[in-house]
Amino acid sequence: MWRRLFSKPAEAAPPDARLTPELRARIQASFDESAQDEEHFPSTIDPRIYHVKLLQEHLGPLNGKRVLDVGCGKGRFARLFQEQEPSAEMWGLDISEEMLRYVPSGIRTQAGSMTDMPFAAGFFDAAYATESLEHAVEIEKAVAEMCRVVKTRGRIAIIDKNAEQWGKLATPEWERWFTRGELERLLRKHCREVSSRFISYWEDVEPDGLFLAWLAVK
């Protein structure tokens, strides 16, 4: 929804783009400012959308597990999973401390970059990223970090946009979308099982090609 803030699609960021200190500061400032906009950056999400169901199915029962929401924003997915499975240890990582101020107190938060996560290897039982990897800039590093912090046989899920649909939505200049093969290849460097599929926001609506889900087991 936040893309309504941008007037037109930007050029796609090149695959070899670098997350320089200056670019990181611009991204952080953008999300810090946007944290005040509840309409386009909501704190909650409809639990009926297929994104939620798919994550639940792939990650499995979360009770007693430590789970990371990568690029969590205000923690809308983590909030929902915590409410449904209160014994899960939910964590949220985001570049914007202003976004993290809206995350419920029962969810542990950490400010930081997806390309250099401040967690030990194998710290989490599972991790997911919903429409956040597109902001990482250095995508290969971000995928590697996401896999690094998940333990062996832990589950990983990424939901993001299809590069073949680029231009359909307005975007900031640093954003990237992905082909199925691109993220499958990056995940296979670290994971034993990798699959992907086209998905829709609603289970009973045929996917239109915009959203993809990548599911992996380390």
Protein backbone atom coordinates (compact mmCIF):
# COMPACT_ATOMS: atom_id res chain seq x y z
CA MET A 1 0.00 0.00 0.00
CA TRP A 2 2.86 2.37 0.74
CA ARG A 3 3.67 2.65 -2.96
CA ARG A 4 0.85 5.14 -3.34
CA LEU A 5 3.29 7.62 -1.83
CA PHE A 6 5.39 7.47 -4.99
CA SER A 7 4.17 9.15 -8.16
CA LYS A 8 5.63 6.80 -10.77
CA PRO A 9 7.73 3.62 -11.05
CA ALA A 10 11.44 4.15 -10.59
CA GLU A 11 14.07 2.44 -12.70
CA ALA A 12 14.83 -1.01 -11.33
CA ALA A 13 17.92 -1.06 -9.13
CA PRO A 14 20.80 -2.90 -10.86
CA PRO A 15 21.64 -6.39 -9.56
CA ASP A 16 25.09 -5.21 -8.45
CA ALA A 17 23.83 -2.17 -6.53
CA ARG A 18 25.69 -1.43 -3.29
CA LEU A 19 24.23 -0.51 0.07
CA THR A 20 26.48 2.46 0.71
CA PRO A 21 26.24 4.33 4.02
CA GLU A 22 24.53 7.19 2.17
CA LEU A 23 21.91 4.91 0.59
CA ARG A 24 21.30 3.10 3.86
CA ALA A 25 20.72 6.46 5.56
CA ARG A 26 18.21 7.45 2.85
CA ILE A 27 16.32 4.18 3.19
CA GLN A 28 16.24 4.46 6.97
CA ALA A 29 15.07 8.07 6.83
CA SER A 30 12.33 7.15 4.36
CA PHE A 31 10.92 4.47 6.64
CA ASP A 32 11.39 6.57 9.78
CA GLU A 33 9.23 9.24 8.18
CA SER A 34 6.69 6.73 6.88
CA ALA A 35 6.20 5.22 10.34
CA GLN A 36 3.77 8.05 11.07
CA ASP A 37 1.55 7.01 8.16
CA GLU A 38 -0.77 4.32 9.50
CA GLU A 39 -2.87 4.28 6.33
CA HIS A 40 -0.06 3.13 4.05
CA PHE A 41 2.09 1.45 6.72
CA PRO A 42 -0.47 -0.28 8.95
CA SER A 43 0.31 -1.94 12.28
CA THR A 44 -2.05 -4.85 11.64
CA ILE A 45 -2.90 -7.19 8.79
CA ASP A 46 -6.02 -9.11 7.88
CA PRO A 47 -5.45 -12.66 9.21
CA ARG A 48 -7.48 -14.07 6.31
CA ILE A 49 -5.02 -13.13 3.56
CA TYR A 50 -3.18 -16.00 1.91
CA HIS A 51 0.23 -14.59 2.85
CA VAL A 52 -0.62 -15.42 6.47
CA LYS A 53 -1.93 -18.91 5.71
CA LEU A 54 1.06 -19.78 3.53
CA LEU A 55 3.52 -18.72 6.24
CA GLN A 56 1.62 -20.72 8.83
CA GLU A 57 1.60 -23.82 6.62
CA HIS A 58 5.29 -23.63 5.72
CA LEU A 59 6.70 -22.61 9.10
CA GLY A 60 4.49 -25.05 10.97
CA PRO A 61 3.59 -24.77 14.68
CA LEU A 62 5.56 -21.92 16.26
CA ASN A 63 4.91 -22.58 19.93
CA GLY A 64 8.22 -22.92 21.76
CA LYS A 65 10.18 -21.74 18.72
CA ARG A 66 12.25 -18.62 18.10
CA VAL A 67 11.12 -16.91 14.88
CA LEU A 68 12.49 -13.86 13.05
CA ASP A 69 10.42 -11.41 11.02
CA VAL A 70 13.00 -9.90 8.64
CA GLY A 71 12.22 -6.29 7.77
CA CYS A 72 9.25 -6.43 10.11
CA GLY A 73 8.14 -2.79 9.90
CA LYS A 74 5.55 -2.34 12.64
CA GLY A 75 5.45 -6.09 13.24
CA ARG A 76 2.04 -6.76 11.75
CA PHE A 77 2.78 -10.40 10.90
CA ALA A 78 4.71 -11.05 14.12
CA ARG A 79 1.86 -9.51 16.11
CA LEU A 80 -0.62 -11.91 14.55
CA PHE A 81 1.55 -15.00 15.04
CA GLN A 82 2.24 -14.06 18.66
CA GLU A 83 -1.49 -13.71 19.33
CA GLN A 84 -2.17 -17.10 17.79
CA GLU A 85 0.78 -18.92 19.40
CA PRO A 86 1.75 -17.00 22.56
CA SER A 87 4.56 -19.36 23.59
CA ALA A 88 6.49 -18.59 20.41
CA GLU A 89 9.45 -16.24 20.82
CA MET A 90 8.86 -13.70 18.08
CA TRP A 91 11.59 -11.30 16.96
CA GLY A 92 11.44 -8.39 14.56
CA LEU A 93 14.39 -6.87 12.67
CA ASP A 94 14.05 -3.56 10.86
CA ILE A 95 16.29 -0.75 9.66
CA SER A 96 13.88 1.85 11.07
CA GLU A 97 13.76 2.38 14.84
CA GLU A 98 10.67 4.51 14.32
CA MET A 99 8.85 1.55 12.78
CA LEU A 100 9.98 -0.66 15.65
CA ARG A 101 8.34 1.68 18.18
CA TYR A 102 4.97 0.37 16.98
CA VAL A 103 5.83 -3.31 17.50
CA PRO A 104 3.93 -4.79 20.49
CA SER A 105 5.98 -5.16 23.67
CA GLY A 106 5.77 -8.96 23.69
CA ILE A 107 7.80 -9.13 20.48
CA ARG A 108 11.56 -8.67 20.78
CA THR A 109 12.99 -6.12 18.38
CA GLN A 110 16.38 -5.29 16.95
CA ALA A 111 17.32 -2.41 14.68
CA GLY A 112 19.65 -3.42 11.90
CA SER A 113 20.23 -4.21 8.25
CA MET A 114 19.13 -7.37 6.46
CA THR A 115 22.63 -7.60 4.99
CA ASP A 116 24.39 -7.68 8.37
CA MET A 117 22.06 -9.16 10.99
CA PRO A 118 23.16 -8.80 14.63
CA PHE A 119 22.40 -12.43 15.52
CA ALA A 120 24.50 -15.55 15.99
CA ALA A 121 24.41 -18.30 13.39
CA GLY A 122 21.53 -20.72 13.93
CA PHE A 123 19.87 -18.45 16.50
CA PHE A 124 16.37 -18.91 15.05
CA ASP A 125 14.17 -21.90 14.33
CA ALA A 126 12.56 -20.09 11.41
CA ALA A 127 12.60 -16.77 9.55
CA TYR A 128 10.38 -15.04 7.03
CA ALA A 129 10.46 -11.84 4.98
CA THR A 130 7.24 -10.40 3.55
CA GLU A 131 7.74 -7.64 0.97
CA SER A 132 10.94 -6.55 2.70
CA LEU A 133 13.77 -8.24 0.80
CA GLU A 134 13.01 -5.87 -2.08
CA HIS A 135 14.54 -3.06 0.05
CA ALA A 136 17.78 -4.88 0.97
CA VAL A 137 19.73 -3.57 -2.11
CA GLU A 138 22.46 -6.21 -1.71
CA ILE A 139 20.10 -9.12 -2.22
CA GLU A 140 22.58 -12.00 -2.20
CA LYS A 141 23.99 -10.82 1.13
CA ALA A 142 20.52 -10.48 2.62
CA VAL A 143 19.48 -13.99 1.56
CA ALA A 144 22.75 -15.40 2.92
CA GLU A 145 22.21 -13.64 6.23
CA MET A 146 18.64 -14.84 6.48
CA CYS A 147 19.84 -18.40 6.00
CA ARG A 148 22.81 -17.99 8.34
CA VAL A 149 20.74 -17.03 11.36
CA VAL A 150 18.38 -20.03 10.94
CA LYS A 151 19.43 -23.39 12.36
CA THR A 152 19.91 -26.50 10.25
CA ARG A 153 16.53 -27.91 9.16
CA GLY A 154 14.94 -24.60 10.07
CA ARG A 155 12.36 -23.12 7.71
CA ILE A 156 12.63 -19.94 5.64
CA ALA A 157 9.93 -18.10 3.67
CA ILE A 158 10.15 -15.07 1.40
CA ILE A 159 7.13 -13.35 -0.12
CA ASP A 160 7.88 -10.62 -2.63
CA LYS A 161 7.22 -9.36 -6.14
CA ASN A 162 7.87 -10.79 -9.56
CA ALA A 163 10.48 -8.95 -11.63
CA GLU A 164 8.49 -9.73 -14.77
CA GLN A 165 5.79 -7.39 -13.41
CA TRP A 166 8.19 -4.48 -12.82
CA GLY A 167 6.54 -1.11 -13.45
CA LYS A 168 3.12 -2.24 -12.26
CA LEU A 169 3.55 -0.31 -9.01
CA ALA A 170 5.40 2.87 -8.10
CA THR A 171 8.64 2.20 -6.25
CA PRO A 172 11.57 4.00 -4.60
CA GLU A 173 14.82 4.05 -6.55
CA TRP A 174 16.54 1.36 -4.45
CA GLU A 175 13.84 -1.30 -4.76
CA ARG A 176 14.31 -4.59 -6.64
CA TRP A 177 11.89 -7.35 -7.59
CA PHE A 178 12.90 -10.94 -8.34
CA THR A 179 12.40 -13.77 -10.79
CA ARG A 180 11.56 -17.21 -9.47
CA GLY A 181 14.90 -18.57 -10.59
CA GLU A 182 16.97 -15.77 -9.06
CA LEU A 183 15.88 -16.33 -5.47
CA GLU A 184 15.70 -20.10 -5.88
CA ARG A 185 19.36 -20.02 -6.93
CA LEU A 186 20.38 -17.87 -3.98
CA LEU A 187 18.47 -20.00 -1.48
CA ARG A 188 19.91 -23.24 -2.87
CA LYS A 189 23.39 -22.06 -1.90
CA HIS A 190 22.35 -22.51 1.74
CA CYS A 191 19.24 -24.70 1.84
CA ARG A 192 18.53 -28.37 1.12
CA GLU A 193 14.95 -27.82 -0.07
CA VAL A 194 13.74 -24.86 -2.15
CA SER A 195 10.49 -24.25 -4.02
CA SER A 196 8.51 -21.28 -5.28
CA ARG A 197 5.01 -20.49 -6.49
CA PHE A 198 2.84 -17.62 -7.64
CA ILE A 199 0.37 -16.49 -4.99
CA SER A 200 -2.48 -14.04 -4.54
CA TYR A 201 -3.54 -12.02 -1.51
CA TRP A 202 -6.66 -14.17 -1.32
CA GLU A 203 -6.75 -17.95 -1.53
CA ASP A 204 -9.82 -18.00 -3.78
CA VAL A 205 -8.40 -15.46 -6.25
CA GLU A 206 -6.21 -16.71 -9.08
CA PRO A 207 -2.65 -15.27 -8.87
CA ASP A 208 -2.08 -12.44 -11.35
CA GLY A 209 1.69 -12.90 -11.48
CA LEU A 210 2.63 -10.05 -9.15
CA PHE A 211 3.43 -11.97 -5.96
CA LEU A 212 5.77 -14.92 -5.55
CA ALA A 213 6.55 -17.04 -2.51
CA TRP A 214 9.87 -18.84 -2.04
CA LEU A 215 9.86 -21.61 0.58
CA ALA A 216 12.99 -23.31 1.88
CA VAL A 217 14.32 -25.73 4.47
CA LYS A 218 17.93 -25.17 5.50
